[in-house]
C-alpha atoms as a PDB file:
ATOM      1  CA  UNK A   1       0.089  -0.166  -0.324  1.00  0.00           C
ATOM      2  CA  UNK A   2       2.964   2.278   0.383  1.00  0.00           C
ATOM      3  CA  UNK A   3       4.042   2.068  -3.003  1.00  0.00           C
ATOM      4  CA  UNK A   4       0.460   2.385  -4.218  1.00  0.00           C
ATOM      5  CA  UNK A   5      -0.225   5.673  -2.184  1.00  0.00           C
ATOM      6  CA  UNK A   6       3.377   6.682  -3.336  1.00  0.00           C
ATOM      7  CA  UNK A   7       3.022   6.157  -6.848  1.00  0.00           C
ATOM      8  CA  UNK A   8      -0.495   7.590  -7.084  1.00  0.00           C
ATOM      9  CA  UNK A   9       0.668  10.812  -4.674  1.00  0.00           C
ATOM     10  CA  UNK A  10       1.365  12.997  -7.886  1.00  0.00           C
ATOM     11  CA  UNK A  11      -1.382  12.123  -9.875  1.00  0.00           C
ATOM     12  CA  UNK A  12      -4.309  12.736  -6.762  1.00  0.00           C
ATOM     13  CA  UNK A  13      -2.345  16.116  -6.229  1.00  0.00           C
ATOM     14  CA  UNK A  14      -2.785  17.271  -9.477  1.00  0.00           C
ATOM     15  CA  UNK A  15      -6.703  17.495  -8.733  1.00  0.00           C
ATOM     16  CA  UNK A  16      -5.759  20.165  -6.429  1.00  0.00           C
ATOM     17  CA  UNK A  17      -8.636  18.501  -3.369  1.00  0.00           C
ATOM     18  CA  UNK A  18      -7.074  19.935   0.117  1.00  0.00           C
ATOM     19  CA  UNK A  19      -9.461  17.200   1.593  1.00  0.00           C
ATOM     20  CA  UNK A  20      -8.157  14.604  -0.936  1.00  0.00           C
ATOM     21  CA  UNK A  21      -4.285  15.526  -0.613  1.00  0.00           C
ATOM     22  CA  UNK A  22      -4.939  15.506   3.281  1.00  0.00           C
ATOM     23  CA  UNK A  23      -6.299  12.155   2.896  1.00  0.00           C
ATOM     24  CA  UNK A  24      -3.335  11.050   0.738  1.00  0.00           C
ATOM     25  CA  UNK A  25      -0.362  12.460   3.008  1.00  0.00           C
ATOM     26  CA  UNK A  26      -2.201  10.324   6.110  1.00  0.00           C
ATOM     27  CA  UNK A  27      -2.302   7.324   4.046  1.00  0.00           C
ATOM     28  CA  UNK A  28       1.414   7.717   2.642  1.00  0.00           C
ATOM     29  CA  UNK A  29       2.176   8.981   6.357  1.00  0.00           C
ATOM     30  CA  UNK A  30       0.597   5.928   7.725  1.00  0.00           C
ATOM     31  CA  UNK A  31       2.017   2.867   5.789  1.00  0.00           C
ATOM     32  CA  UNK A  32       5.698   4.366   5.617  1.00  0.00           C
ATOM     33  CA  UNK A  33       5.058   4.629   9.767  1.00  0.00           C
ATOM     34  CA  UNK A  34       3.583   0.791   9.290  1.00  0.00           C
ATOM     35  CA  UNK A  35       6.369  -0.717   7.090  1.00  0.00           C
ATOM     36  CA  UNK A  36       8.637   0.266   9.843  1.00  0.00           C
ATOM     37  CA  UNK A  37       7.103  -0.517  12.682  1.00  0.00           C
ATOM     38  CA  UNK A  38       6.567  -4.035  11.259  1.00  0.00           C
ATOM     39  CA  UNK A  39      10.489  -4.035  10.282  1.00  0.00           C
ATOM     40  CA  UNK A  40      11.515  -3.096  14.312  1.00  0.00           C
ATOM     41  CA  UNK A  41       8.743  -6.050  15.176  1.00  0.00           C
ATOM     42  CA  UNK A  42      10.557  -8.571  12.955  1.00  0.00           C
ATOM     43  CA  UNK A  43      13.815  -7.736  14.357  1.00  0.00           C
ATOM     44  CA  UNK A  44      11.966  -8.811  18.131  1.00  0.00           C
ATOM     45  CA  UNK A  45      10.567 -11.667  16.342  1.00  0.00           C
ATOM     46  CA  UNK A  46      14.440 -12.386  15.464  1.00  0.00           C
ATOM     47  CA  UNK A  47      15.450 -11.859  19.125  1.00  0.00           C
ATOM     48  CA  UNK A  48      13.147 -14.530  20.102  1.00  0.00           C
ATOM     49  CA  UNK A  49      13.910 -16.953  17.870  1.00  0.00           C
ATOM     50  CA  UNK A  50      17.504 -16.875  18.265  1.00  0.00           C
ATOM     51  CA  UNK A  51      18.416 -15.594  21.771  1.00  0.00           C
ATOM     52  CA  UNK A  52      15.157 -16.412  23.499  1.00  0.00           C
ATOM     53  CA  UNK A  53      15.017 -19.988  22.066  1.00  0.00           C
ATOM     54  CA  UNK A  54      13.196 -21.382  25.103  1.00  0.00           C
ATOM     55  CA  UNK A  55      10.184 -21.203  27.043  1.00  0.00           C
ATOM     56  CA  UNK A  56       8.962 -17.987  24.789  1.00  0.00           C
ATOM     57  CA  UNK A  57       5.442 -18.430  24.517  1.00  0.00           C
ATOM     58  CA  UNK A  58       3.608 -15.508  24.197  1.00  0.00           C
ATOM     59  CA  UNK A  59      -0.350 -16.030  23.831  1.00  0.00           C
ATOM     60  CA  UNK A  60      -2.255 -14.708  20.799  1.00  0.00           C
ATOM     61  CA  UNK A  61       1.347 -13.566  19.784  1.00  0.00           C
ATOM     62  CA  UNK A  62       0.505 -12.166  16.331  1.00  0.00           C
ATOM     63  CA  UNK A  63      -2.854 -10.409  17.333  1.00  0.00           C
ATOM     64  CA  UNK A  64      -0.577  -8.541  19.618  1.00  0.00           C
ATOM     65  CA  UNK A  65       2.136  -8.407  16.526  1.00  0.00           C
ATOM     66  CA  UNK A  66      -0.863  -6.863  14.625  1.00  0.00           C
ATOM     67  CA  UNK A  67      -2.098  -4.391  16.796  1.00  0.00           C
ATOM     68  CA  UNK A  68       1.026  -3.069  17.658  1.00  0.00           C
ATOM     69  CA  UNK A  69       2.437  -2.848  13.470  1.00  0.00           C
ATOM     70  CA  UNK A  70      -0.683  -1.374  12.701  1.00  0.00           C
ATOM     71  CA  UNK A  71      -1.874   0.338  15.606  1.00  0.00           C
ATOM     72  CA  UNK A  72       1.503   2.247  16.245  1.00  0.00           C
ATOM     73  CA  UNK A  73       1.397   4.065  13.079  1.00  0.00           C
ATOM     74  CA  UNK A  74      -2.197   4.788  14.064  1.00  0.00           C
ATOM     75  CA  UNK A  75      -1.829   6.741  17.457  1.00  0.00           C
ATOM     76  CA  UNK A  76       1.322   8.599  16.063  1.00  0.00           C
ATOM     77  CA  UNK A  77      -1.262   9.878  13.316  1.00  0.00           C
ATOM     78  CA  UNK A  78      -4.211  10.578  14.873  1.00  0.00           C
ATOM     79  CA  UNK A  79      -1.874  12.734  17.459  1.00  0.00           C
ATOM     80  CA  UNK A  80      -0.919  14.997  14.103  1.00  0.00           C
ATOM     81  CA  UNK A  81      -4.268  15.199  12.983  1.00  0.00           C
ATOM     82  CA  UNK A  82      -5.469  16.077  16.593  1.00  0.00           C
ATOM     83  CA  UNK A  83      -2.873  18.626  16.710  1.00  0.00           C
ATOM     84  CA  UNK A  84      -3.808  20.335  13.749  1.00  0.00           C
ATOM     85  CA  UNK A  85      -5.059  18.888  10.233  1.00  0.00           C
ATOM     86  CA  UNK A  86      -3.201  21.376   8.460  1.00  0.00           C
ATOM     87  CA  UNK A  87       0.098  19.632   8.936  1.00  0.00           C
ATOM     88  CA  UNK A  88      -0.488  17.656   6.397  1.00  0.00           C
ATOM     89  CA  UNK A  89      -0.792  19.457   2.707  1.00  0.00           C
ATOM     90  CA  UNK A  90      -0.252  19.932  -0.872  1.00  0.00           C
ATOM     91  CA  UNK A  91       3.609  20.845  -1.482  1.00  0.00           C
ATOM     92  CA  UNK A  92       4.493  22.097  -4.592  1.00  0.00           C
ATOM     93  CA  UNK A  93       7.567  22.229  -6.096  1.00  0.00           C
ATOM     94  CA  UNK A  94       7.013  23.734  -9.712  1.00  0.00           C
ATOM     95  CA  UNK A  95       4.572  25.969 -11.064  1.00  0.00           C
ATOM     96  CA  UNK A  96       5.133  25.107 -14.663  1.00  0.00           C
ATOM     97  CA  UNK A  97       4.578  20.811 -13.882  1.00  0.00           C
ATOM     98  CA  UNK A  98       1.443  19.939 -12.510  1.00  0.00           C
ATOM     99  CA  UNK A  99       3.364  16.109 -11.227  1.00  0.00           C
ATOM    100  CA  UNK A 100       5.712  17.681  -9.134  1.00  0.00           C
ATOM    101  CA  UNK A 101       3.043  18.212  -6.357  1.00  0.00           C
ATOM    102  CA  UNK A 102       3.282  15.603  -4.026  1.00  0.00           C
ATOM    103  CA  UNK A 103       0.805  15.578  -1.162  1.00  0.00           C
ATOM    104  CA  UNK A 104       3.096  15.439   2.410  1.00  0.00           C
ATOM    105  CA  UNK A 105       3.369  16.439   5.757  1.00  0.00           C
ATOM    106  CA  UNK A 106       4.216  20.561   5.051  1.00  0.00           C
ATOM    107  CA  UNK A 107       5.572  21.524   8.773  1.00  0.00           C
ATOM    108  CA  UNK A 108       9.295  20.337   9.459  1.00  0.00           C
ATOM    109  CA  UNK A 109       9.048  20.037  13.109  1.00  0.00           C
ATOM    110  CA  UNK A 110       5.990  17.515  12.818  1.00  0.00           C
ATOM    111  CA  UNK A 111       8.030  15.592   9.890  1.00  0.00           C
ATOM    112  CA  UNK A 112      11.423  15.297  11.553  1.00  0.00           C
ATOM    113  CA  UNK A 113       9.481  14.031  15.181  1.00  0.00           C
ATOM    114  CA  UNK A 114       6.724  12.193  13.136  1.00  0.00           C
ATOM    115  CA  UNK A 115       9.133  10.479  10.948  1.00  0.00           C
ATOM    116  CA  UNK A 116      13.021  10.539  11.330  1.00  0.00           C
ATOM    117  CA  UNK A 117      12.491  10.799  15.147  1.00  0.00           C
ATOM    118  CA  UNK A 118      10.273   7.495  14.505  1.00  0.00           C
ATOM    119  CA  UNK A 119      12.549   5.773  11.744  1.00  0.00           C
ATOM    120  CA  UNK A 120      15.149   6.780  14.189  1.00  0.00           C
ATOM    121  CA  UNK A 121      14.380   4.722  17.229  1.00  0.00           C
ATOM    122  CA  UNK A 122      13.426   1.687  15.093  1.00  0.00           C
ATOM    123  CA  UNK A 123      17.204   2.237  14.020  1.00  0.00           C
ATOM    124  CA  UNK A 124      18.412   2.008  16.940  1.00  0.00           C
ATOM    125  CA  UNK A 125      16.110  -1.229  17.922  1.00  0.00           C
ATOM    126  CA  UNK A 126      16.672  -3.148  14.776  1.00  0.00           C
ATOM    127  CA  UNK A 127      20.573  -2.156  15.778  1.00  0.00           C
ATOM    128  CA  UNK A 128      20.382  -3.496  19.669  1.00  0.00           C
ATOM    129  CA  UNK A 129      19.133  -6.397  18.283  1.00  0.00           C
ATOM    130  CA  UNK A 130      20.871  -7.356  15.742  1.00  0.00           C
ATOM    131  CA  UNK A 131      24.311  -6.908  17.867  1.00  0.00           C
ATOM    132  CA  UNK A 132      22.689  -9.536  20.551  1.00  0.00           C
ATOM    133  CA  UNK A 133      21.418 -11.538  18.022  1.00  0.00           C
ATOM    134  CA  UNK A 134      25.165 -11.809  16.629  1.00  0.00           C
ATOM    135  CA  UNK A 135      26.747 -11.882  20.284  1.00  0.00           C
ATOM    136  CA  UNK A 136      24.600 -14.825  20.771  1.00  0.00           C
ATOM    137  CA  UNK A 137      25.081 -16.783  17.848  1.00  0.00           C
ATOM    138  CA  UNK A 138      29.099 -16.145  18.517  1.00  0.00           C
ATOM    139  CA  UNK A 139      28.859 -17.636  21.769  1.00  0.00           C
ATOM    140  CA  UNK A 140      27.116 -20.935  20.848  1.00  0.00           C
ATOM    141  CA  UNK A 141      29.971 -20.872  17.916  1.00  0.00           C
ATOM    142  CA  UNK A 142      32.420 -20.473  20.183  1.00  0.00           C
ATOM    143  CA  UNK A 143      30.768 -23.013  22.864  1.00  0.00           C
ATOM    144  CA  UNK A 144      30.353 -25.237  19.743  1.00  0.00           C
ATOM    145  CA  UNK A 145      34.311 -25.455  18.852  1.00  0.00           C
ATOM    146  CA  UNK A 146      35.269 -25.721  22.479  1.00  0.00           C
ATOM    147  CA  UNK A 147      32.813 -28.788  22.691  1.00  0.00           C
ATOM    148  CA  UNK A 148      34.021 -30.467  19.454  1.00  0.00           C
ATOM    149  CA  UNK A 149      37.840 -30.097  20.650  1.00  0.00           C
ATOM    150  CA  UNK A 150      37.107 -31.739  24.266  1.00  0.00           C
ATOM    151  CA  UNK A 151      35.289 -34.647  22.209  1.00  0.00           C
ATOM    152  CA  UNK A 152      38.569 -35.102  19.304  1.00  0.00           C
ATOM    153  CA  UNK A 153      40.904 -35.471  22.792  1.00  0.00           C
END
């Protein structure tokens, strides 16, 4: 959906309908945040599968992942819309080319907080999960090598 909304964004913004542009910008923002949230959930799942291998039963795990994956971005979008729906709009870059218009976040501060900071937090989480998984794999490998040397003797 992120790709679809991104591809039709310029075309829909050429209609010069503020309401339509706000809807398209909200959808684009939502699906972008949802894609990154699901990426973060994948890293958490990777951590649970490779580090916390045993005794990791989470009741209704898929339901909780879906609520987080689709709900957290919805909360961010709702907060932005409650503060001011006019943060979303049509950003024109060139008057000669109507297809250069793009419906997106108009305020830089809102963009930095609701997109850049959000993606940065997910990047930090993914990096932490990755390092933890690498350390776990390294420790398993070194233990296996020690055991194999012991058995060879």
